[in-house]
Amino acid sequence: KLADQVHRQMTGPLADLEGRVHRVTLVGNPAKEIVEFAMNMNVSMIVAGTRGQTPATELYLGSVSSALIHRAQCSVLIVR
């Protein structure tokens, strides 16, 4: 149910990109699953958010973002 709720919230901002953007729910280690999905689907770019929620942590990438940058074979865009 939570995944469905999140997908519904994301539908609005990404509606204009339909067909070029894939929203999926993966289970497991986040970075590993995202990288494997990207490789299997031959995606050109992964877009992910940072984890920083306080001024101190905003200076650093979250562990998943960092792992995506180091492991993914495609381009990775990290947004705040």
PDB file of N, CA and C in Angstrom:
ATOM      1  N   LYS A   1       0.822  -1.197   0.000  1.00  0.00           N
ATOM      2  CA  LYS A   1       0.000   0.000   0.000  1.00  0.00           C
ATOM      3  C   LYS A   1       0.860   1.253   0.000  1.00  0.00           C
ATOM      4  N   LEU A   2       1.923   1.246   0.790  1.00  0.00           N
ATOM      5  CA  LEU A   2       2.800   2.409   0.842  1.00  0.00           C
ATOM      6  C   LEU A   2       3.407   2.685  -0.530  1.00  0.00           C
ATOM      7  N   ALA A   3       3.827   1.633  -1.217  1.00  0.00           N
ATOM      8  CA  ALA A   3       4.413   1.807  -2.549  1.00  0.00           C
ATOM      9  C   ALA A   3       3.403   2.430  -3.502  1.00  0.00           C
ATOM     10  N   ASP A   4       2.147   1.985  -3.448  1.00  0.00           N
ATOM     11  CA  ASP A   4       1.103   2.561  -4.299  1.00  0.00           C
ATOM     12  C   ASP A   4       0.886   4.033  -3.984  1.00  0.00           C
ATOM     13  N   GLN A   5       0.912   4.376  -2.709  1.00  0.00           N
ATOM     14  CA  GLN A   5       0.731   5.769  -2.300  1.00  0.00           C
ATOM     15  C   GLN A   5       1.872   6.640  -2.824  1.00  0.00           C
ATOM     16  N   VAL A   6       3.083   6.160  -2.698  1.00  0.00           N
ATOM     17  CA  VAL A   6       4.242   6.912  -3.186  1.00  0.00           C
ATOM     18  C   VAL A   6       4.161   7.070  -4.700  1.00  0.00           C
ATOM     19  N   HIS A   7       3.798   6.015  -5.411  1.00  0.00           N
ATOM     20  CA  HIS A   7       3.671   6.096  -6.872  1.00  0.00           C
ATOM     21  C   HIS A   7       2.632   7.134  -7.274  1.00  0.00           C
ATOM     22  N   ARG A   8       1.506   7.179  -6.570  1.00  0.00           N
ATOM     23  CA  ARG A   8       0.470   8.172  -6.878  1.00  0.00           C
ATOM     24  C   ARG A   8       0.994   9.591  -6.665  1.00  0.00           C
ATOM     25  N   GLN A   9       1.756   9.803  -5.596  1.00  0.00           N
ATOM     26  CA  GLN A   9       2.301  11.131  -5.325  1.00  0.00           C
ATOM     27  C   GLN A   9       3.305  11.547  -6.391  1.00  0.00           C
ATOM     28  N   MET A  10       4.011  10.592  -6.967  1.00  0.00           N
ATOM     29  CA  MET A  10       5.018  10.894  -7.975  1.00  0.00           C
ATOM     30  C   MET A  10       4.413  11.089  -9.359  1.00  0.00           C
ATOM     31  N   THR A  11       3.216  10.610  -9.581  1.00  0.00           N
ATOM     32  CA  THR A  11       2.614  10.651 -10.908  1.00  0.00           C
ATOM     33  C   THR A  11       2.466  12.070 -11.432  1.00  0.00           C
ATOM     34  N   GLY A  12       2.028  12.984 -10.604  1.00  0.00           N
ATOM     35  CA  GLY A  12       1.812  14.363 -11.038  1.00  0.00           C
ATOM     36  C   GLY A  12       3.042  15.013 -11.640  1.00  0.00           C
ATOM     37  N   PRO A  13       4.127  15.143 -10.882  1.00  0.00           N
ATOM     38  CA  PRO A  13       5.307  15.835 -11.408  1.00  0.00           C
ATOM     39  C   PRO A  13       5.947  15.148 -12.615  1.00  0.00           C
ATOM     40  N   LEU A  14       5.763  13.842 -12.769  1.00  0.00           N
ATOM     41  CA  LEU A  14       6.415  13.117 -13.856  1.00  0.00           C
ATOM     42  C   LEU A  14       5.488  12.810 -15.021  1.00  0.00           C
ATOM     43  N   ALA A  15       4.258  13.277 -14.963  1.00  0.00           N
ATOM     44  CA  ALA A  15       3.265  12.934 -15.985  1.00  0.00           C
ATOM     45  C   ALA A  15       3.720  13.320 -17.389  1.00  0.00           C
ATOM     46  N   ASP A  16       4.377  14.461 -17.546  1.00  0.00           N
ATOM     47  CA  ASP A  16       4.815  14.910 -18.865  1.00  0.00           C
ATOM     48  C   ASP A  16       5.921  14.039 -19.447  1.00  0.00           C
ATOM     49  N   LEU A  17       6.562  13.242 -18.615  1.00  0.00           N
ATOM     50  CA  LEU A  17       7.661  12.397 -19.075  1.00  0.00           C
ATOM     51  C   LEU A  17       7.236  10.957 -19.310  1.00  0.00           C
ATOM     52  N   GLU A  18       5.947  10.686 -19.313  1.00  0.00           N
ATOM     53  CA  GLU A  18       5.436   9.323 -19.467  1.00  0.00           C
ATOM     54  C   GLU A  18       6.059   8.652 -20.687  1.00  0.00           C
ATOM     55  N   GLY A  19       6.493   7.441 -20.516  1.00  0.00           N
ATOM     56  CA  GLY A  19       7.150   6.698 -21.585  1.00  0.00           C
ATOM     57  C   GLY A  19       8.654   6.842 -21.569  1.00  0.00           C
ATOM     58  N   ARG A  20       9.161   7.895 -20.942  1.00  0.00           N
ATOM     59  CA  ARG A  20      10.606   8.098 -20.845  1.00  0.00           C
ATOM     60  C   ARG A  20      11.105   7.896 -19.431  1.00  0.00           C
ATOM     61  N   VAL A  21      10.181   7.814 -18.481  1.00  0.00           N
ATOM     62  CA  VAL A  21      10.526   7.644 -17.074  1.00  0.00           C
ATOM     63  C   VAL A  21       9.829   6.394 -16.564  1.00  0.00           C
ATOM     64  N   HIS A  22      10.572   5.578 -15.837  1.00  0.00           N
ATOM     65  CA  HIS A  22       9.994   4.372 -15.246  1.00  0.00           C
ATOM     66  C   HIS A  22      10.027   4.501 -13.735  1.00  0.00           C
ATOM     67  N   ARG A  23       8.878   4.281 -13.110  1.00  0.00           N
ATOM     68  CA  ARG A  23       8.788   4.272 -11.650  1.00  0.00           C
ATOM     69  C   ARG A  23       8.548   2.830 -11.243  1.00  0.00           C
ATOM     70  N   VAL A  24       9.437   2.297 -10.417  1.00  0.00           N
ATOM     71  CA  VAL A  24       9.314   0.903  -9.989  1.00  0.00           C
ATOM     72  C   VAL A  24       9.513   0.811  -8.482  1.00  0.00           C
ATOM     73  N   THR A  25       8.998  -0.265  -7.909  1.00  0.00           N
ATOM     74  CA  THR A  25       9.226  -0.564  -6.502  1.00  0.00           C
ATOM     75  C   THR A  25      10.120  -1.791  -6.438  1.00  0.00           C
ATOM     76  N   LEU A  26      11.250  -1.655  -5.781  1.00  0.00           N
ATOM     77  CA  LEU A  26      12.203  -2.749  -5.644  1.00  0.00           C
ATOM     78  C   LEU A  26      12.334  -3.110  -4.177  1.00  0.00           C
ATOM     79  N   VAL A  27      12.609  -4.366  -3.908  1.00  0.00           N
ATOM     80  CA  VAL A  27      12.759  -4.844  -2.536  1.00  0.00           C
ATOM     81  C   VAL A  27      14.172  -5.376  -2.364  1.00  0.00           C
ATOM     82  N   GLY A  28      14.817  -4.991  -1.265  1.00  0.00           N
ATOM     83  CA  GLY A  28      16.166  -5.473  -0.985  1.00  0.00           C
ATOM     84  C   GLY A  28      17.100  -4.324  -0.683  1.00  0.00           C
ATOM     85  N   ASN A  29      18.379  -4.551  -0.897  1.00  0.00           N
ATOM     86  CA  ASN A  29      19.384  -3.513  -0.702  1.00  0.00           C
ATOM     87  C   ASN A  29      19.163  -2.441  -1.767  1.00  0.00           C
ATOM     88  N   PRO A  30      18.850  -1.208  -1.372  1.00  0.00           N
ATOM     89  CA  PRO A  30      18.452  -0.191  -2.353  1.00  0.00           C
ATOM     90  C   PRO A  30      19.452   0.026  -3.489  1.00  0.00           C
ATOM     91  N   ALA A  31      20.704   0.281  -3.165  1.00  0.00           N
ATOM     92  CA  ALA A  31      21.683   0.568  -4.214  1.00  0.00           C
ATOM     93  C   ALA A  31      21.869  -0.634  -5.129  1.00  0.00           C
ATOM     94  N   LYS A  32      21.995  -1.807  -4.563  1.00  0.00           N
ATOM     95  CA  LYS A  32      22.199  -3.031  -5.347  1.00  0.00           C
ATOM     96  C   LYS A  32      21.025  -3.270  -6.283  1.00  0.00           C
ATOM     97  N   GLU A  33      19.813  -3.147  -5.774  1.00  0.00           N
ATOM     98  CA  GLU A  33      18.623  -3.397  -6.587  1.00  0.00           C
ATOM     99  C   GLU A  33      18.466  -2.358  -7.695  1.00  0.00           C
ATOM    100  N   ILE A  34      18.739  -1.098  -7.383  1.00  0.00           N
ATOM    101  CA  ILE A  34      18.617  -0.038  -8.392  1.00  0.00           C
ATOM    102  C   ILE A  34      19.639  -0.243  -9.498  1.00  0.00           C
ATOM    103  N   VAL A  35      20.882  -0.539  -9.127  1.00  0.00           N
ATOM    104  CA  VAL A  35      21.935  -0.754 -10.128  1.00  0.00           C
ATOM    105  C   VAL A  35      21.606  -1.966 -10.998  1.00  0.00           C
ATOM    106  N   GLU A  36      21.162  -3.054 -10.398  1.00  0.00           N
ATOM    107  CA  GLU A  36      20.807  -4.249 -11.173  1.00  0.00           C
ATOM    108  C   GLU A  36      19.639  -3.963 -12.116  1.00  0.00           C
ATOM    109  N   PHE A  37      18.626  -3.247 -11.627  1.00  0.00           N
ATOM    110  CA  PHE A  37      17.487  -2.891 -12.473  1.00  0.00           C
ATOM    111  C   PHE A  37      17.956  -2.037 -13.650  1.00  0.00           C
ATOM    112  N   ALA A  38      18.792  -1.053 -13.374  1.00  0.00           N
ATOM    113  CA  ALA A  38      19.292  -0.166 -14.425  1.00  0.00           C
ATOM    114  C   ALA A  38      20.068  -0.947 -15.484  1.00  0.00           C
ATOM    115  N   MET A  39      20.889  -1.894 -15.045  1.00  0.00           N
ATOM    116  CA  MET A  39      21.652  -2.707 -15.995  1.00  0.00           C
ATOM    117  C   MET A  39      20.721  -3.582 -16.832  1.00  0.00           C
ATOM    118  N   ASN A  40      19.760  -4.233 -16.181  1.00  0.00           N
ATOM    119  CA  ASN A  40      18.833  -5.124 -16.891  1.00  0.00           C
ATOM    120  C   ASN A  40      17.948  -4.380 -17.882  1.00  0.00           C
ATOM    121  N   MET A  41      17.588  -3.150 -17.553  1.00  0.00           N
ATOM    122  CA  MET A  41      16.705  -2.359 -18.414  1.00  0.00           C
ATOM    123  C   MET A  41      17.485  -1.458 -19.374  1.00  0.00           C
ATOM    124  N   ASN A  42      18.810  -1.478 -19.267  1.00  0.00           N
ATOM    125  CA  ASN A  42      19.673  -0.659 -20.116  1.00  0.00           C
ATOM    126  C   ASN A  42      19.268   0.819 -20.067  1.00  0.00           C
ATOM    127  N   VAL A  43      19.072   1.327 -18.854  1.00  0.00           N
ATOM    128  CA  VAL A  43      18.657   2.725 -18.694  1.00  0.00           C
ATOM    129  C   VAL A  43      19.830   3.658 -18.972  1.00  0.00           C
ATOM    130  N   SER A  44      19.526   4.872 -19.379  1.00  0.00           N
ATOM    131  CA  SER A  44      20.577   5.837 -19.681  1.00  0.00           C
ATOM    132  C   SER A  44      20.926   6.707 -18.482  1.00  0.00           C
ATOM    133  N   MET A  45      20.004   6.808 -17.504  1.00  0.00           N
ATOM    134  CA  MET A  45      20.282   7.645 -16.339  1.00  0.00           C
ATOM    135  C   MET A  45      19.443   7.201 -15.151  1.00  0.00           C
ATOM    136  N   ILE A  46      20.064   7.241 -13.980  1.00  0.00           N
ATOM    137  CA  ILE A  46      19.371   7.030 -12.709  1.00  0.00           C
ATOM    138  C   ILE A  46      19.264   8.390 -12.044  1.00  0.00           C
ATOM    139  N   VAL A  47      18.071   8.756 -11.598  1.00  0.00           N
ATOM    140  CA  VAL A  47      17.873   9.993 -10.849  1.00  0.00           C
ATOM    141  C   VAL A  47      17.482   9.600  -9.436  1.00  0.00           C
ATOM    142  N   ALA A  48      18.228  10.108  -8.457  1.00  0.00           N
ATOM    143  CA  ALA A  48      17.977   9.765  -7.056  1.00  0.00           C
ATOM    144  C   ALA A  48      18.148  11.007  -6.197  1.00  0.00           C
ATOM    145  N   GLY A  49      17.551  10.977  -5.030  1.00  0.00           N
ATOM    146  CA  GLY A  49      17.664  12.088  -4.095  1.00  0.00           C
ATOM    147  C   GLY A  49      18.719  11.826  -3.038  1.00  0.00           C
ATOM    148  N   THR A  50      19.159  12.906  -2.406  1.00  0.00           N
ATOM    149  CA  THR A  50      20.076  12.773  -1.282  1.00  0.00           C
ATOM    150  C   THR A  50      19.268  12.465  -0.038  1.00  0.00           C
ATOM    151  N   ARG A  51      19.948  12.071   0.997  1.00  0.00           N
ATOM    152  CA  ARG A  51      19.288  11.729   2.252  1.00  0.00           C
ATOM    153  C   ARG A  51      19.296  12.908   3.211  1.00  0.00           C
ATOM    154  N   GLY A  52      20.229  13.832   3.061  1.00  0.00           N
ATOM    155  CA  GLY A  52      20.423  14.913   4.018  1.00  0.00           C
ATOM    156  C   GLY A  52      19.150  15.650   4.382  1.00  0.00           C
ATOM    157  N   GLN A  53      18.770  15.608   5.645  1.00  0.00           N
ATOM    158  CA  GLN A  53      17.553  16.273   6.092  1.00  0.00           C
ATOM    159  C   GLN A  53      17.834  17.360   7.123  1.00  0.00           C
ATOM    160  N   THR A  54      19.072  17.509   7.503  1.00  0.00           N
ATOM    161  CA  THR A  54      19.462  18.570   8.428  1.00  0.00           C
ATOM    162  C   THR A  54      20.616  19.326   7.794  1.00  0.00           C
ATOM    163  N   PRO A  55      20.877  20.557   8.219  1.00  0.00           N
ATOM    164  CA  PRO A  55      21.986  21.314   7.626  1.00  0.00           C
ATOM    165  C   PRO A  55      23.318  20.564   7.675  1.00  0.00           C
ATOM    166  N   ALA A  56      23.569  19.837   8.745  1.00  0.00           N
ATOM    167  CA  ALA A  56      24.839  19.113   8.857  1.00  0.00           C
ATOM    168  C   ALA A  56      24.919  17.978   7.840  1.00  0.00           C
ATOM    169  N   THR A  57      23.838  17.236   7.646  1.00  0.00           N
ATOM    170  CA  THR A  57      23.885  16.092   6.729  1.00  0.00           C
ATOM    171  C   THR A  57      23.669  16.486   5.280  1.00  0.00           C
ATOM    172  N   GLU A  58      23.184  17.683   5.012  1.00  0.00           N
ATOM    173  CA  GLU A  58      22.997  18.119   3.634  1.00  0.00           C
ATOM    174  C   GLU A  58      24.323  18.270   2.905  1.00  0.00           C
ATOM    175  N   LEU A  59      25.408  18.388   3.650  1.00  0.00           N
ATOM    176  CA  LEU A  59      26.721  18.531   3.039  1.00  0.00           C
ATOM    177  C   LEU A  59      27.220  17.225   2.440  1.00  0.00           C
ATOM    178  N   TYR A  60      26.651  16.122   2.832  1.00  0.00           N
ATOM    179  CA  TYR A  60      27.125  14.811   2.418  1.00  0.00           C
ATOM    180  C   TYR A  60      26.044  14.062   1.651  1.00  0.00           C
ATOM    181  N   LEU A  61      26.489  13.156   0.794  1.00  0.00           N
ATOM    182  CA  LEU A  61      25.549  12.276   0.106  1.00  0.00           C
ATOM    183  C   LEU A  61      25.133  11.159   1.034  1.00  0.00           C
ATOM    184  N   GLY A  62      23.943  10.665   0.859  1.00  0.00           N
ATOM    185  CA  GLY A  62      23.525   9.492   1.599  1.00  0.00           C
ATOM    186  C   GLY A  62      24.272   8.264   1.092  1.00  0.00           C
ATOM    187  N   SER A  63      24.204   7.181   1.834  1.00  0.00           N
ATOM    188  CA  SER A  63      24.943   5.973   1.454  1.00  0.00           C
ATOM    189  C   SER A  63      24.432   5.383   0.143  1.00  0.00           C
ATOM    190  N   VAL A  64      23.128   5.446  -0.095  1.00  0.00           N
ATOM    191  CA  VAL A  64      22.586   4.905  -1.345  1.00  0.00           C
ATOM    192  C   VAL A  64      23.042   5.762  -2.523  1.00  0.00           C
ATOM    193  N   SER A  65      22.946   7.072  -2.390  1.00  0.00           N
ATOM    194  CA  SER A  65      23.386   7.967  -3.464  1.00  0.00           C
ATOM    195  C   SER A  65      24.853   7.741  -3.787  1.00  0.00           C
ATOM    196  N   SER A  66      25.660   7.650  -2.764  1.00  0.00           N
ATOM    197  CA  SER A  66      27.091   7.422  -2.954  1.00  0.00           C
ATOM    198  C   SER A  66      27.346   6.088  -3.656  1.00  0.00           C
ATOM    199  N   ALA A  67      26.653   5.042  -3.230  1.00  0.00           N
ATOM    200  CA  ALA A  67      26.825   3.725  -3.853  1.00  0.00           C
ATOM    201  C   ALA A  67      26.386   3.749  -5.318  1.00  0.00           C
ATOM    202  N   LEU A  68      25.301   4.453  -5.623  1.00  0.00           N
ATOM    203  CA  LEU A  68      24.841   4.538  -7.007  1.00  0.00           C
ATOM    204  C   LEU A  68      25.902   5.185  -7.887  1.00  0.00           C
ATOM    205  N   ILE A  69      26.489   6.257  -7.398  1.00  0.00           N
ATOM    206  CA  ILE A  69      27.521   6.957  -8.163  1.00  0.00           C
ATOM    207  C   ILE A  69      28.699   6.039  -8.457  1.00  0.00           C
ATOM    208  N   HIS A  70      29.079   5.234  -7.490  1.00  0.00           N
ATOM    209  CA  HIS A  70      30.250   4.372  -7.650  1.00  0.00           C
ATOM    210  C   HIS A  70      29.964   3.076  -8.399  1.00  0.00           C
ATOM    211  N   ARG A  71      28.746   2.559  -8.338  1.00  0.00           N
ATOM    212  CA  ARG A  71      28.447   1.239  -8.904  1.00  0.00           C
ATOM    213  C   ARG A  71      27.736   1.257 -10.250  1.00  0.00           C
ATOM    214  N   ALA A  72      26.948   2.283 -10.502  1.00  0.00           N
ATOM    215  CA  ALA A  72      26.143   2.300 -11.729  1.00  0.00           C
ATOM    216  C   ALA A  72      27.023   2.486 -12.959  1.00  0.00           C
ATOM    217  N   GLN A  73      26.652   1.821 -14.036  1.00  0.00           N
ATOM    218  CA  GLN A  73      27.383   1.940 -15.292  1.00  0.00           C
ATOM    219  C   GLN A  73      26.796   3.029 -16.187  1.00  0.00           C
ATOM    220  N   CYS A  74      25.652   3.578 -15.787  1.00  0.00           N
ATOM    221  CA  CYS A  74      25.038   4.666 -16.540  1.00  0.00           C
ATOM    222  C   CYS A  74      25.247   5.977 -15.775  1.00  0.00           C
ATOM    223  N   SER A  75      24.770   7.057 -16.343  1.00  0.00           N
ATOM    224  CA  SER A  75      24.844   8.349 -15.666  1.00  0.00           C
ATOM    225  C   SER A  75      23.952   8.338 -14.435  1.00  0.00           C
ATOM    226  N   VAL A  76      24.363   9.077 -13.407  1.00  0.00           N
ATOM    227  CA  VAL A  76      23.588   9.190 -12.170  1.00  0.00           C
ATOM    228  C   VAL A  76      23.431  10.672 -11.854  1.00  0.00           C
ATOM    229  N   LEU A  77      22.190  11.104 -11.646  1.00  0.00           N
ATOM    230  CA  LEU A  77      21.889  12.478 -11.258  1.00  0.00           C
ATOM    231  C   LEU A  77      21.343  12.446  -9.847  1.00  0.00           C
ATOM    232  N   ILE A  78      22.028  13.126  -8.933  1.00  0.00           N
ATOM    233  CA  ILE A  78      21.592  13.202  -7.542  1.00  0.00           C
ATOM    234  C   ILE A  78      20.994  14.588  -7.321  1.00  0.00           C
ATOM    235  N   VAL A  79      19.759  14.624  -6.826  1.00  0.00           N
ATOM    236  CA  VAL A  79      19.070  15.896  -6.593  1.00  0.00           C
ATOM    237  C   VAL A  79      18.700  16.036  -5.125  1.00  0.00           C
ATOM    238  N   ARG A  80      18.571  17.269  -4.692  1.00  0.00           N
ATOM    239  CA  ARG A  80      18.132  17.530  -3.314  1.00  0.00           C
ATOM    240  C   ARG A  80      16.668  17.851  -3.309  1.00  0.00           C
TER     241      ARG A  80
END
